[in-house]
Protein backbone atom coordinates (compact mmCIF):
# COMPACT_ATOMS: atom_id res chain seq x y z
CA MET A 1 0.00 0.00 0.00
CA LYS A 2 2.81 2.43 0.88
CA ALA A 3 4.58 1.72 -2.41
CA THR A 4 1.38 2.51 -4.31
CA LYS A 5 1.03 5.89 -2.56
CA LYS A 6 4.64 6.76 -3.38
CA ILE A 7 4.12 5.85 -7.03
CA ILE A 8 0.95 7.98 -7.18
CA ILE A 9 2.74 10.96 -5.58
CA ILE A 10 5.70 10.62 -7.95
CA TYR A 11 3.33 10.26 -10.89
CA PHE A 12 1.46 13.42 -9.78
CA ILE A 13 4.72 15.42 -9.46
CA ILE A 14 5.90 14.28 -12.89
CA LEU A 15 2.59 15.31 -14.45
CA LEU A 16 2.79 18.68 -12.71
CA PHE A 17 6.25 19.41 -14.14
CA LEU A 18 5.50 17.98 -17.59
CA ASN A 19 2.56 20.33 -17.84
CA CYS A 20 4.99 23.26 -17.68
CA PHE A 21 7.77 21.63 -19.71
CA ALA A 22 5.54 21.28 -22.76
CA GLY A 23 5.71 25.04 -23.21
CA GLY A 24 9.47 24.99 -23.50
CA TYR A 25 10.28 21.77 -25.29
CA ILE A 26 7.38 20.62 -27.46
CA GLU A 27 5.70 23.81 -28.61
CA LYS A 28 5.48 27.39 -27.41
CA GLY A 29 3.10 27.28 -24.50
CA GLY A 30 1.46 30.18 -22.79
CA HIS A 31 -1.15 32.74 -23.59
CA ILE A 32 -1.78 35.99 -25.45
CA ASP A 33 -3.19 39.09 -23.81
CA SER A 34 -3.33 42.89 -24.04
CA ILE A 35 -4.21 43.15 -27.73
CA PHE A 36 -4.54 46.67 -29.12
CA LEU A 37 -4.78 48.58 -32.41
CA THR A 38 -3.50 52.05 -33.24
CA PRO A 39 -3.53 53.95 -36.54
CA SER A 40 0.10 55.10 -36.46
CA ALA A 41 3.24 55.14 -34.33
CA THR A 42 3.76 58.88 -34.85
CA ASN A 43 1.60 61.76 -36.03
CA ILE A 44 1.52 61.78 -39.81
CA TYR A 45 -0.86 64.75 -40.13
CA ILE A 46 -1.67 65.29 -43.82
CA ASN A 47 1.74 64.29 -45.15
CA GLN A 48 1.74 62.09 -48.20
CA TYR A 49 3.44 58.77 -47.62
CA PHE A 50 4.14 55.52 -49.41
CA ILE A 51 3.95 51.95 -48.13
CA VAL A 52 7.33 50.22 -48.11
CA CYS A 53 6.96 46.66 -49.36
CA LEU A 54 9.53 43.86 -49.46
CA ASP A 55 9.29 41.33 -52.32
CA LYS A 56 9.58 38.27 -50.09
CA GLU A 57 9.79 35.64 -52.85
CA LYS A 58 12.78 37.27 -54.58
CA TYR A 59 14.44 38.01 -51.24
CA LYS A 60 14.19 34.39 -50.06
CA LYS A 61 15.61 33.07 -53.36
CA GLU A 62 18.69 35.29 -53.23
CA GLN A 63 19.12 35.45 -49.46
CA SER A 64 22.72 35.59 -48.24
CA GLU A 65 24.65 37.36 -45.49
CA ASN A 66 25.81 40.41 -47.47
CA LEU A 67 22.63 41.04 -49.42
CA ASP A 68 21.42 44.61 -49.98
CA ILE A 69 17.73 44.55 -49.04
CA THR A 70 16.98 47.78 -50.94
CA LYS A 71 17.01 45.83 -54.22
CA PHE A 72 13.84 44.03 -53.12
CA ILE A 73 11.88 47.06 -51.84
CA THR A 74 8.96 48.67 -53.65
CA TYR A 75 7.08 51.86 -52.72
CA ILE A 76 3.33 51.72 -53.12
CA PRO A 77 1.06 54.80 -52.99
CA VAL A 78 -1.51 54.52 -50.21
CA ASP A 79 -4.48 54.65 -52.60
CA LYS A 80 -3.13 51.61 -54.55
CA TYR A 81 -2.13 49.54 -51.53
CA LYS A 82 -4.17 46.37 -51.08
CA GLY A 83 -2.30 44.74 -48.17
CA GLY A 84 0.27 42.01 -47.84
CA CYS A 85 3.33 44.07 -46.87
CA GLU A 86 3.02 43.90 -43.08
CA GLN A 87 6.18 43.69 -41.03
CA TYR A 88 6.75 42.26 -37.55
CA GLY A 89 8.80 43.48 -34.64
CA GLU A 90 9.18 42.06 -31.17
CA VAL A 91 10.98 42.56 -27.89
CA SER A 92 11.12 40.13 -24.96
CA GLN A 93 11.91 39.95 -21.26
CA PHE A 94 12.86 36.81 -19.31
CA TYR A 95 11.74 36.28 -15.69
CA LEU A 96 13.94 33.84 -13.76
CA PHE A 97 11.81 31.59 -11.53
CA HIS A 98 8.80 33.66 -12.67
CA LEU A 99 9.86 36.49 -10.34
CA PHE A 100 13.12 38.20 -11.28
CA PRO A 101 13.50 40.03 -14.62
CA THR A 102 16.93 39.22 -16.06
CA SER A 103 16.81 41.09 -19.37
CA GLY A 104 15.80 44.52 -20.67
CA SER A 105 12.29 45.86 -20.27
CA LEU A 106 9.47 45.49 -22.78
CA ASP A 107 9.76 48.63 -24.90
CA PRO A 108 7.06 48.99 -27.59
CA GLU A 109 9.04 51.73 -29.34
CA TYR A 110 12.00 49.39 -29.77
CA ALA A 111 9.79 46.68 -31.31
CA ILE A 112 8.38 49.21 -33.80
CA THR A 113 11.85 50.57 -34.55
CA LEU A 114 13.14 47.08 -35.41
CA ALA A 115 10.41 46.58 -38.00
CA VAL A 116 10.85 50.07 -39.48
CA GLN A 117 14.65 49.87 -39.69
CA LYS A 118 14.53 46.54 -41.49
CA LEU A 119 12.96 48.27 -44.52
CA GLU A 120 14.62 51.66 -44.00
CA GLY A 121 11.25 53.35 -43.51
CA ASP A 122 10.19 56.34 -41.42
CA THR A 123 7.41 55.00 -39.18
CA MET A 124 4.58 52.47 -38.98
CA VAL A 125 0.83 52.68 -39.59
CA ASN A 126 -2.08 50.27 -39.02
CA ILE A 127 -0.36 48.80 -35.98
CA ARG A 128 -1.62 45.73 -34.19
CA ALA A 129 0.20 44.75 -31.01
CA TRP A 130 -0.09 42.06 -28.34
CA HIS A 131 1.72 40.43 -25.42
CA GLU A 132 2.58 36.75 -25.31
CA THR A 133 3.77 34.76 -22.32
CA HIS A 134 5.81 31.57 -22.80
CA TYR A 135 6.35 29.29 -19.80
CA TYR A 136 9.47 27.20 -19.20
CA SER A 137 8.68 25.01 -16.18
CA ILE A 138 10.04 26.26 -12.88
CA LEU A 139 12.94 27.91 -14.71
CA GLY A 140 10.87 30.94 -15.63
CA GLN A 141 8.81 32.66 -18.28
CA VAL A 142 9.34 34.99 -21.21
CA ARG A 143 7.07 37.97 -21.85
CA VAL A 144 7.10 38.96 -25.53
CA PHE A 145 5.67 42.19 -26.96
CA LYS A 146 4.91 41.84 -30.70
CA VAL A 147 3.83 44.42 -33.27
CA LYS A 148 2.58 44.02 -36.82
CA GLY A 149 1.92 46.86 -39.24
CA ASP A 150 2.76 48.64 -42.47
CA VAL A 151 6.09 50.48 -42.74
CA ILE A 152 5.83 53.86 -44.48
CA LYS A 153 8.20 56.36 -46.11
CA PHE A 154 7.38 60.07 -46.32
CA GLN A 155 9.84 61.10 -49.03
CA LEU A 156 10.75 58.94 -51.96
CA PRO A 157 14.31 58.14 -52.91
CA GLU A 158 15.79 59.52 -56.15
CA ASN A 159 15.24 56.22 -57.96
CA TYR A 160 11.51 56.09 -57.18
CA GLU A 161 10.46 54.86 -60.63
CA LYS A 162 12.69 51.83 -60.26
CA HIS A 163 11.01 50.89 -56.96
CA THR A 164 7.37 51.61 -57.83
CA LYS A 165 4.87 48.80 -58.07
CA ASN A 166 2.19 49.40 -60.74
């Protein structure tokens, strides 16, 4: 009888820990919260702007370490834009033992800046943002702030005709 109780207790403890481990080893576990939408990261007033779009198929085919991304960028006027050029940015913070933050803070501006700098744009519009929490057993958790939106450029480069999508 005592051996059976010990086996049940050990089995219960293993199940308790495996429940948390699944988030770190099998698939990202956790939850999403704090979803919000905003029209733009900065005030754009009545300035004319263009959507910066990366041709993902061509970029993936020719991807290498020293590749100039500007060859794969197109500038689309807002009235002709139909979607599909969204960019992502994210920033994360790790909490050791679910209590002590061990990395930088969650800065939404930094997440937006990462997405904008990737395409050498000026700011972001049509922003959707959310928090994710990923659990890694008793070791800790990671809070991730993610943004998704359209990168814009206020002034066009000199070679605008070369980069315009019709």
